[in-house]
Amino acid sequence: MNTSLFFEDFQPGLKVLTAGRTITEHDIANFAGLSGDFNQIHTDAEFARSTPFGQRIAHGLLGLSIASGLAVQTGILGANVIAFREVGEWKFVKPVFIGDTIHVEMEVAEIKPVARLGGGSVTLDVHVNNQSGITVMKGLWTVLVKSRNN
């Protein structure tokens, strides 16, 4: 069953909040192996103690990837998404630490029909927040979404 929204269902101002997800040491180790990014700030607890953060931090792109997955789990970015088109003006505002629980707040900022694709472009203003409500990353995501009649 397709619970994904169609292009016509998106309107500026529509807000969606995801569930939370706790970042684990296992997540960081797996992402390091997958990406090849073994920077000591992520993987070496002793080294990380000597940094301004005082502890290991999650890869920024790991946080972005998990945020994308949380957004998909809401159902709004499911089977009707033609393509994830752009991550724009993305800022890594604060570190994400092992044990932090992040969630995503999305608001539809703009919609544009793209008739040749049988749908349209949806721009989402995205804030990834931790368990304290502090924004750890933010920016714009643009997705192409098919129309109901296609």
N, C-alpha and C. Protein backbone atom coordinates (compact mmCIF):
# COMPACT_ATOMS: atom_id res chain seq x y z
N MET A 1 0.84 -1.19 0.00
CA MET A 1 0.00 0.00 0.00
C MET A 1 0.89 1.25 0.00
N ASN A 2 0.54 2.22 -0.80
CA ASN A 2 1.31 3.45 -0.92
C ASN A 2 0.71 4.52 -0.01
N THR A 3 1.41 4.88 1.07
CA THR A 3 0.94 5.93 1.97
C THR A 3 1.67 7.25 1.71
N SER A 4 2.52 7.28 0.71
CA SER A 4 3.28 8.47 0.37
C SER A 4 2.36 9.56 -0.16
N LEU A 5 2.73 10.80 0.11
CA LEU A 5 1.95 11.91 -0.43
C LEU A 5 2.26 12.11 -1.91
N PHE A 6 1.26 12.59 -2.63
CA PHE A 6 1.44 13.01 -4.02
C PHE A 6 1.79 14.50 -4.03
N PHE A 7 2.28 14.98 -5.15
CA PHE A 7 2.66 16.38 -5.27
C PHE A 7 1.52 17.30 -4.82
N GLU A 8 0.30 16.97 -5.22
CA GLU A 8 -0.85 17.83 -4.90
C GLU A 8 -1.13 17.91 -3.39
N ASP A 9 -0.62 16.96 -2.63
CA ASP A 9 -0.85 16.95 -1.18
C ASP A 9 0.08 17.89 -0.42
N PHE A 10 1.13 18.35 -1.07
CA PHE A 10 2.09 19.25 -0.42
C PHE A 10 1.64 20.69 -0.61
N GLN A 11 1.59 21.43 0.48
CA GLN A 11 1.27 22.85 0.44
C GLN A 11 2.25 23.59 1.34
N PRO A 12 2.68 24.80 0.94
CA PRO A 12 3.57 25.56 1.81
C PRO A 12 2.98 25.69 3.22
N GLY A 13 3.84 25.50 4.19
CA GLY A 13 3.40 25.57 5.58
C GLY A 13 3.11 24.23 6.22
N LEU A 14 2.94 23.18 5.40
CA LEU A 14 2.72 21.84 5.94
C LEU A 14 3.92 21.44 6.77
N LYS A 15 3.68 21.03 8.03
CA LYS A 15 4.77 20.64 8.93
C LYS A 15 4.66 19.17 9.28
N VAL A 16 5.82 18.53 9.35
CA VAL A 16 5.88 17.11 9.71
C VAL A 16 7.02 16.93 10.71
N LEU A 17 6.76 16.17 11.75
CA LEU A 17 7.74 15.85 12.78
C LEU A 17 7.98 14.35 12.75
N THR A 18 9.23 13.95 12.77
CA THR A 18 9.56 12.52 12.74
C THR A 18 9.66 11.97 14.15
N ALA A 19 9.77 10.68 14.23
CA ALA A 19 10.13 10.01 15.47
C ALA A 19 11.60 10.30 15.75
N GLY A 20 12.07 9.92 16.91
CA GLY A 20 13.47 10.11 17.26
C GLY A 20 14.29 8.85 17.01
N ARG A 21 15.58 9.04 16.97
CA ARG A 21 16.51 7.91 16.79
C ARG A 21 17.78 8.23 17.55
N THR A 22 18.20 7.30 18.42
CA THR A 22 19.40 7.49 19.22
C THR A 22 20.63 7.04 18.43
N ILE A 23 21.64 7.88 18.42
CA ILE A 23 22.89 7.60 17.71
C ILE A 23 23.78 6.75 18.62
N THR A 24 24.26 5.63 18.09
CA THR A 24 25.05 4.70 18.90
C THR A 24 26.49 4.64 18.41
N GLU A 25 27.34 4.08 19.24
CA GLU A 25 28.72 3.84 18.85
C GLU A 25 28.77 2.90 17.64
N HIS A 26 27.86 1.94 17.63
CA HIS A 26 27.76 0.99 16.51
C HIS A 26 27.46 1.73 15.20
N ASP A 27 26.56 2.72 15.25
CA ASP A 27 26.24 3.51 14.06
C ASP A 27 27.50 4.17 13.51
N ILE A 28 28.28 4.76 14.40
CA ILE A 28 29.49 5.48 13.98
C ILE A 28 30.51 4.52 13.38
N ALA A 29 30.71 3.38 14.05
CA ALA A 29 31.67 2.39 13.53
C ALA A 29 31.23 1.87 12.16
N ASN A 30 29.95 1.57 12.02
CA ASN A 30 29.45 1.08 10.73
C ASN A 30 29.60 2.14 9.64
N PHE A 31 29.28 3.40 9.96
CA PHE A 31 29.38 4.46 8.96
C PHE A 31 30.83 4.69 8.56
N ALA A 32 31.74 4.62 9.53
CA ALA A 32 33.17 4.76 9.22
C ALA A 32 33.60 3.67 8.23
N GLY A 33 33.16 2.43 8.49
CA GLY A 33 33.50 1.33 7.59
C GLY A 33 32.89 1.49 6.22
N LEU A 34 31.65 1.94 6.17
CA LEU A 34 30.96 2.11 4.90
C LEU A 34 31.56 3.26 4.09
N SER A 35 31.83 4.37 4.74
CA SER A 35 32.29 5.57 4.04
C SER A 35 33.81 5.63 3.87
N GLY A 36 34.53 4.90 4.72
CA GLY A 36 35.98 5.00 4.71
C GLY A 36 36.51 6.17 5.52
N ASP A 37 35.61 6.89 6.20
CA ASP A 37 36.00 8.05 7.01
C ASP A 37 36.28 7.60 8.44
N PHE A 38 37.54 7.32 8.70
CA PHE A 38 37.97 6.88 10.03
C PHE A 38 38.65 8.02 10.80
N ASN A 39 38.25 9.24 10.53
CA ASN A 39 38.82 10.38 11.24
C ASN A 39 38.74 10.13 12.73
N GLN A 40 39.83 10.45 13.43
CA GLN A 40 39.94 10.14 14.86
C GLN A 40 38.87 10.82 15.71
N ILE A 41 38.33 11.94 15.25
CA ILE A 41 37.27 12.61 16.03
C ILE A 41 36.04 11.72 16.16
N HIS A 42 35.90 10.76 15.23
CA HIS A 42 34.77 9.83 15.25
C HIS A 42 35.12 8.50 15.90
N THR A 43 36.36 8.07 15.76
CA THR A 43 36.70 6.68 16.07
C THR A 43 37.67 6.47 17.23
N ASP A 44 38.30 7.51 17.73
CA ASP A 44 39.32 7.36 18.75
C ASP A 44 38.93 8.16 20.00
N ALA A 45 38.45 7.47 21.02
CA ALA A 45 37.95 8.14 22.23
C ALA A 45 39.04 8.96 22.91
N GLU A 46 40.26 8.44 22.97
CA GLU A 46 41.36 9.16 23.63
C GLU A 46 41.69 10.45 22.87
N PHE A 47 41.80 10.34 21.56
CA PHE A 47 42.06 11.52 20.73
C PHE A 47 40.93 12.54 20.90
N ALA A 48 39.69 12.08 20.83
CA ALA A 48 38.53 12.97 20.88
C ALA A 48 38.46 13.74 22.20
N ARG A 49 38.96 13.15 23.29
CA ARG A 49 38.98 13.86 24.58
C ARG A 49 39.80 15.14 24.52
N SER A 50 40.79 15.15 23.62
CA SER A 50 41.67 16.32 23.52
C SER A 50 41.13 17.40 22.59
N THR A 51 39.98 17.19 22.00
CA THR A 51 39.39 18.16 21.07
C THR A 51 38.45 19.10 21.83
N PRO A 52 38.04 20.17 21.21
CA PRO A 52 37.09 21.08 21.87
C PRO A 52 35.76 20.40 22.26
N PHE A 53 35.44 19.29 21.59
CA PHE A 53 34.18 18.59 21.90
C PHE A 53 34.32 17.70 23.13
N GLY A 54 35.54 17.26 23.42
CA GLY A 54 35.81 16.45 24.60
C GLY A 54 35.38 15.00 24.51
N GLN A 55 34.84 14.62 23.38
CA GLN A 55 34.39 13.25 23.17
C GLN A 55 34.18 13.02 21.68
N ARG A 56 33.97 11.75 21.32
CA ARG A 56 33.73 11.44 19.91
C ARG A 56 32.42 12.06 19.45
N ILE A 57 32.39 12.41 18.18
CA ILE A 57 31.17 12.93 17.57
C ILE A 57 30.81 12.07 16.37
N ALA A 58 29.53 12.07 16.06
CA ALA A 58 29.06 11.35 14.87
C ALA A 58 29.48 12.11 13.62
N HIS A 59 29.71 11.38 12.55
CA HIS A 59 29.96 12.00 11.25
C HIS A 59 28.76 12.88 10.91
N GLY A 60 29.02 14.07 10.37
CA GLY A 60 27.91 14.92 9.94
C GLY A 60 27.03 14.25 8.91
N LEU A 61 27.67 13.54 7.98
CA LEU A 61 26.89 12.88 6.93
C LEU A 61 26.12 11.67 7.46
N LEU A 62 26.57 11.10 8.57
CA LEU A 62 25.79 10.05 9.22
C LEU A 62 24.50 10.66 9.76
N GLY A 63 24.61 11.79 10.43
CA GLY A 63 23.41 12.46 10.93
C GLY A 63 22.45 12.82 9.82
N LEU A 64 22.98 13.33 8.72
CA LEU A 64 22.14 13.67 7.57
C LEU A 64 21.46 12.43 7.00
N SER A 65 22.20 11.34 6.91
CA SER A 65 21.63 10.09 6.39
C SER A 65 20.52 9.56 7.28
N ILE A 66 20.74 9.59 8.59
CA ILE A 66 19.71 9.13 9.52
C ILE A 66 18.50 10.04 9.45
N ALA A 67 18.73 11.34 9.33
CA ALA A 67 17.61 12.29 9.20
C ALA A 67 16.77 11.97 7.96
N SER A 68 17.44 11.65 6.86
CA SER A 68 16.72 11.28 5.64
C SER A 68 15.87 10.04 5.87
N GLY A 69 16.44 9.05 6.54
CA GLY A 69 15.68 7.84 6.85
C GLY A 69 14.50 8.10 7.74
N LEU A 70 14.67 8.97 8.75
CA LEU A 70 13.55 9.32 9.63
C LEU A 70 12.44 10.00 8.84
N ALA A 71 12.82 10.85 7.89
CA ALA A 71 11.83 11.53 7.06
C ALA A 71 11.04 10.53 6.22
N VAL A 72 11.73 9.57 5.65
CA VAL A 72 11.05 8.54 4.84
C VAL A 72 10.08 7.74 5.71
N GLN A 73 10.47 7.44 6.95
CA GLN A 73 9.62 6.65 7.83
C GLN A 73 8.30 7.33 8.17
N THR A 74 8.21 8.65 7.99
CA THR A 74 6.93 9.33 8.25
C THR A 74 5.88 8.96 7.21
N GLY A 75 6.33 8.47 6.07
CA GLY A 75 5.40 8.12 4.99
C GLY A 75 5.24 9.21 3.95
N ILE A 76 5.64 10.44 4.26
CA ILE A 76 5.41 11.50 3.27
C ILE A 76 6.38 11.44 2.11
N LEU A 77 7.55 10.85 2.32
CA LEU A 77 8.56 10.77 1.26
C LEU A 77 8.77 9.32 0.84
N GLY A 78 7.70 8.66 0.52
CA GLY A 78 7.77 7.25 0.17
C GLY A 78 7.81 7.00 -1.32
N ALA A 79 6.97 6.10 -1.77
CA ALA A 79 7.01 5.59 -3.14
C ALA A 79 6.71 6.64 -4.20
N ASN A 80 6.11 7.76 -3.83
CA ASN A 80 5.79 8.79 -4.82
C ASN A 80 6.95 9.74 -5.11
N VAL A 81 8.03 9.60 -4.38
CA VAL A 81 9.20 10.44 -4.65
C VAL A 81 9.91 9.91 -5.90
N ILE A 82 10.05 10.77 -6.88
CA ILE A 82 10.75 10.43 -8.12
C ILE A 82 12.26 10.47 -7.88
N ALA A 83 12.71 11.50 -7.16
CA ALA A 83 14.13 11.65 -6.89
C ALA A 83 14.34 12.63 -5.74
N PHE A 84 15.38 12.36 -4.95
CA PHE A 84 15.85 13.33 -3.96
C PHE A 84 16.80 14.22 -4.74
N ARG A 85 16.41 15.44 -5.02
CA ARG A 85 17.07 16.29 -6.00
C ARG A 85 18.23 17.10 -5.46
N GLU A 86 18.08 17.64 -4.22
CA GLU A 86 19.09 18.58 -3.76
C GLU A 86 19.09 18.70 -2.24
N VAL A 87 20.27 18.84 -1.69
CA VAL A 87 20.45 19.27 -0.31
C VAL A 87 21.08 20.64 -0.42
N GLY A 88 20.35 21.66 -0.01
CA GLY A 88 20.82 23.03 -0.20
C GLY A 88 21.05 23.76 1.10
N GLU A 89 22.04 24.63 1.09
CA GLU A 89 22.33 25.49 2.23
C GLU A 89 22.43 24.69 3.53
N TRP A 90 23.03 23.50 3.47
CA TRP A 90 23.08 22.62 4.64
C TRP A 90 24.16 23.10 5.61
N LYS A 91 23.78 23.19 6.87
CA LYS A 91 24.71 23.63 7.91
C LYS A 91 24.76 22.58 9.02
N PHE A 92 25.97 22.22 9.40
CA PHE A 92 26.19 21.37 10.56
C PHE A 92 26.42 22.33 11.73
N VAL A 93 25.38 22.56 12.51
CA VAL A 93 25.36 23.63 13.51
C VAL A 93 26.05 23.23 14.81
N LYS A 94 25.74 22.06 15.31
CA LYS A 94 26.27 21.56 16.58
C LYS A 94 26.67 20.10 16.40
N PRO A 95 27.56 19.59 17.24
CA PRO A 95 27.94 18.18 17.12
C PRO A 95 26.82 17.25 17.59
N VAL A 96 26.82 16.05 17.03
CA VAL A 96 25.95 14.97 17.49
C VAL A 96 26.85 13.96 18.19
N PHE A 97 26.53 13.69 19.45
CA PHE A 97 27.35 12.79 20.26
C PHE A 97 26.71 11.41 20.35
N ILE A 98 27.52 10.42 20.67
CA ILE A 98 27.01 9.08 20.95
C ILE A 98 26.00 9.22 22.10
N GLY A 99 24.83 8.65 21.91
CA GLY A 99 23.77 8.73 22.91
C GLY A 99 22.75 9.83 22.66
N ASP A 100 23.05 10.76 21.75
CA ASP A 100 22.07 11.78 21.40
C ASP A 100 20.92 11.14 20.62
N THR A 101 19.74 11.65 20.84
CA THR A 101 18.57 11.22 20.09
C THR A 101 18.14 12.38 19.20
N ILE A 102 18.15 12.14 17.89
CA ILE A 102 17.78 13.20 16.95
C ILE A 102 16.41 12.92 16.36
N HIS A 103 15.74 14.00 16.01
CA HIS A 103 14.48 13.92 15.25
C HIS A 103 14.50 15.05 14.23
N VAL A 104 13.58 14.99 13.28
CA VAL A 104 13.57 15.94 12.18
C VAL A 104 12.25 16.70 12.17
N GLU A 105 12.35 18.01 12.02
CA GLU A 105 11.19 18.86 11.80
C GLU A 105 11.29 19.39 10.38
N MET A 106 10.25 19.11 9.58
CA MET A 106 10.23 19.54 8.19
C MET A 106 9.03 20.45 7.96
N GLU A 107 9.24 21.48 7.16
CA GLU A 107 8.14 22.34 6.74
C GLU A 107 8.25 22.58 5.25
N VAL A 108 7.15 22.42 4.54
CA VAL A 108 7.15 22.67 3.10
C VAL A 108 7.34 24.17 2.90
N ALA A 109 8.43 24.53 2.22
CA ALA A 109 8.75 25.93 1.97
C ALA A 109 8.25 26.39 0.60
N GLU A 110 8.29 25.48 -0.38
CA GLU A 110 7.95 25.86 -1.74
C GLU A 110 7.55 24.64 -2.55
N ILE A 111 6.60 24.84 -3.45
CA ILE A 111 6.22 23.79 -4.40
C ILE A 111 6.21 24.39 -5.80
N LYS A 112 6.64 23.59 -6.77
CA LYS A 112 6.66 24.04 -8.16
C LYS A 112 6.25 22.87 -9.04
N PRO A 113 5.18 23.00 -9.81
CA PRO A 113 4.83 21.93 -10.75
C PRO A 113 5.92 21.77 -11.82
N VAL A 114 6.17 20.53 -12.19
CA VAL A 114 7.09 20.22 -13.28
C VAL A 114 6.35 19.21 -14.16
N ALA A 115 5.54 19.74 -15.06
CA ALA A 115 4.63 18.92 -15.86
C ALA A 115 5.36 17.83 -16.64
N ARG A 116 6.53 18.13 -17.19
CA ARG A 116 7.24 17.13 -18.00
C ARG A 116 7.65 15.91 -17.20
N LEU A 117 7.71 16.03 -15.87
CA LEU A 117 8.05 14.90 -15.01
C LEU A 117 6.82 14.21 -14.43
N GLY A 118 5.65 14.79 -14.71
CA GLY A 118 4.42 14.20 -14.16
C GLY A 118 4.31 14.42 -12.66
N GLY A 119 4.77 15.57 -12.20
CA GLY A 119 4.71 15.88 -10.78
C GLY A 119 5.24 17.26 -10.51
N GLY A 120 6.05 17.38 -9.48
CA GLY A 120 6.59 18.69 -9.16
C GLY A 120 7.71 18.61 -8.15
N SER A 121 8.27 19.78 -7.91
CA SER A 121 9.38 19.95 -7.00
C SER A 121 8.85 20.45 -5.65
N VAL A 122 9.29 19.82 -4.58
CA VAL A 122 8.89 20.21 -3.23
C VAL A 122 10.17 20.54 -2.46
N THR A 123 10.24 21.76 -1.95
CA THR A 123 11.38 22.17 -1.12
C THR A 123 10.95 22.17 0.33
N LEU A 124 11.73 21.46 1.14
CA LEU A 124 11.45 21.33 2.57
C LEU A 124 12.51 22.07 3.37
N ASP A 125 12.06 22.87 4.32
CA ASP A 125 12.95 23.50 5.29
C ASP A 125 13.11 22.49 6.42
N VAL A 126 14.32 22.01 6.63
CA VAL A 126 14.58 20.88 7.52
C VAL A 126 15.45 21.31 8.69
N HIS A 127 15.02 20.93 9.88
CA HIS A 127 15.82 21.13 11.10
C HIS A 127 15.96 19.77 11.77
N VAL A 128 17.20 19.37 12.04
CA VAL A 128 17.47 18.16 12.79
C VAL A 128 17.82 18.61 14.21
N ASN A 129 17.03 18.16 15.16
CA ASN A 129 17.19 18.59 16.55
C ASN A 129 17.56 17.41 17.43
N ASN A 130 18.28 17.71 18.52
CA ASN A 130 18.61 16.65 19.47
C ASN A 130 17.54 16.56 20.57
N GLN A 131 17.78 15.72 21.54
CA GLN A 131 16.81 15.46 22.60
C GLN A 131 16.52 16.70 23.46
N SER A 132 17.38 17.69 23.41
CA SER A 132 17.17 18.93 24.17
C SER A 132 16.48 19.99 23.33
N GLY A 133 16.12 19.64 22.09
CA GLY A 133 15.48 20.60 21.20
C GLY A 133 16.46 21.54 20.51
N ILE A 134 17.75 21.26 20.64
CA ILE A 134 18.78 22.09 20.01
C ILE A 134 18.97 21.64 18.57
N THR A 135 18.97 22.58 17.63
CA THR A 135 19.20 22.27 16.23
C THR A 135 20.66 21.92 16.03
N VAL A 136 20.91 20.71 15.51
CA VAL A 136 22.28 20.26 15.26
C VAL A 136 22.66 20.36 13.78
N MET A 137 21.67 20.39 12.92
CA MET A 137 21.90 20.62 11.49
C MET A 137 20.61 21.11 10.87
N LYS A 138 20.76 21.86 9.77
CA LYS A 138 19.57 22.42 9.13
C LYS A 138 19.89 22.78 7.69
N GLY A 139 18.84 22.91 6.91
CA GLY A 139 19.00 23.31 5.53
C GLY A 139 17.74 23.01 4.74
N LEU A 140 17.91 22.94 3.44
CA LEU A 140 16.80 22.71 2.53
C LEU A 140 17.00 21.40 1.79
N TRP A 141 15.92 20.64 1.66
CA TRP A 141 15.91 19.45 0.82
C TRP A 141 14.90 19.69 -0.29
N THR A 142 15.27 19.34 -1.51
CA THR A 142 14.33 19.41 -2.62
C THR A 142 14.13 18.01 -3.18
N VAL A 143 12.87 17.63 -3.26
CA VAL A 143 12.51 16.32 -3.80
C VAL A 143 11.55 16.50 -4.96
N LEU A 144 11.62 15.59 -5.92
CA LEU A 144 10.66 15.56 -7.02
C LEU A 144 9.63 14.50 -6.68
N VAL A 145 8.36 14.89 -6.75
CA VAL A 145 7.26 14.02 -6.33
C VAL A 145 6.26 13.89 -7.47
N LYS A 146 5.80 12.67 -7.71
CA LYS A 146 4.85 12.47 -8.81
C LYS A 146 3.45 12.95 -8.43
N SER A 147 2.71 13.30 -9.48
CA SER A 147 1.32 13.73 -9.32
C SER A 147 0.40 12.53 -9.15
N ARG A 148 -0.74 12.78 -8.59
CA ARG A 148 -1.74 11.75 -8.34
C ARG A 148 -2.21 11.10 -9.64
N ASN A 149 -2.27 11.86 -10.72
CA ASN A 149 -2.82 11.37 -11.98
C ASN A 149 -1.79 10.64 -12.84
N ASN A 150 -0.62 10.34 -12.32
CA ASN A 150 0.41 9.67 -13.13
C ASN A 150 0.73 8.31 -12.59
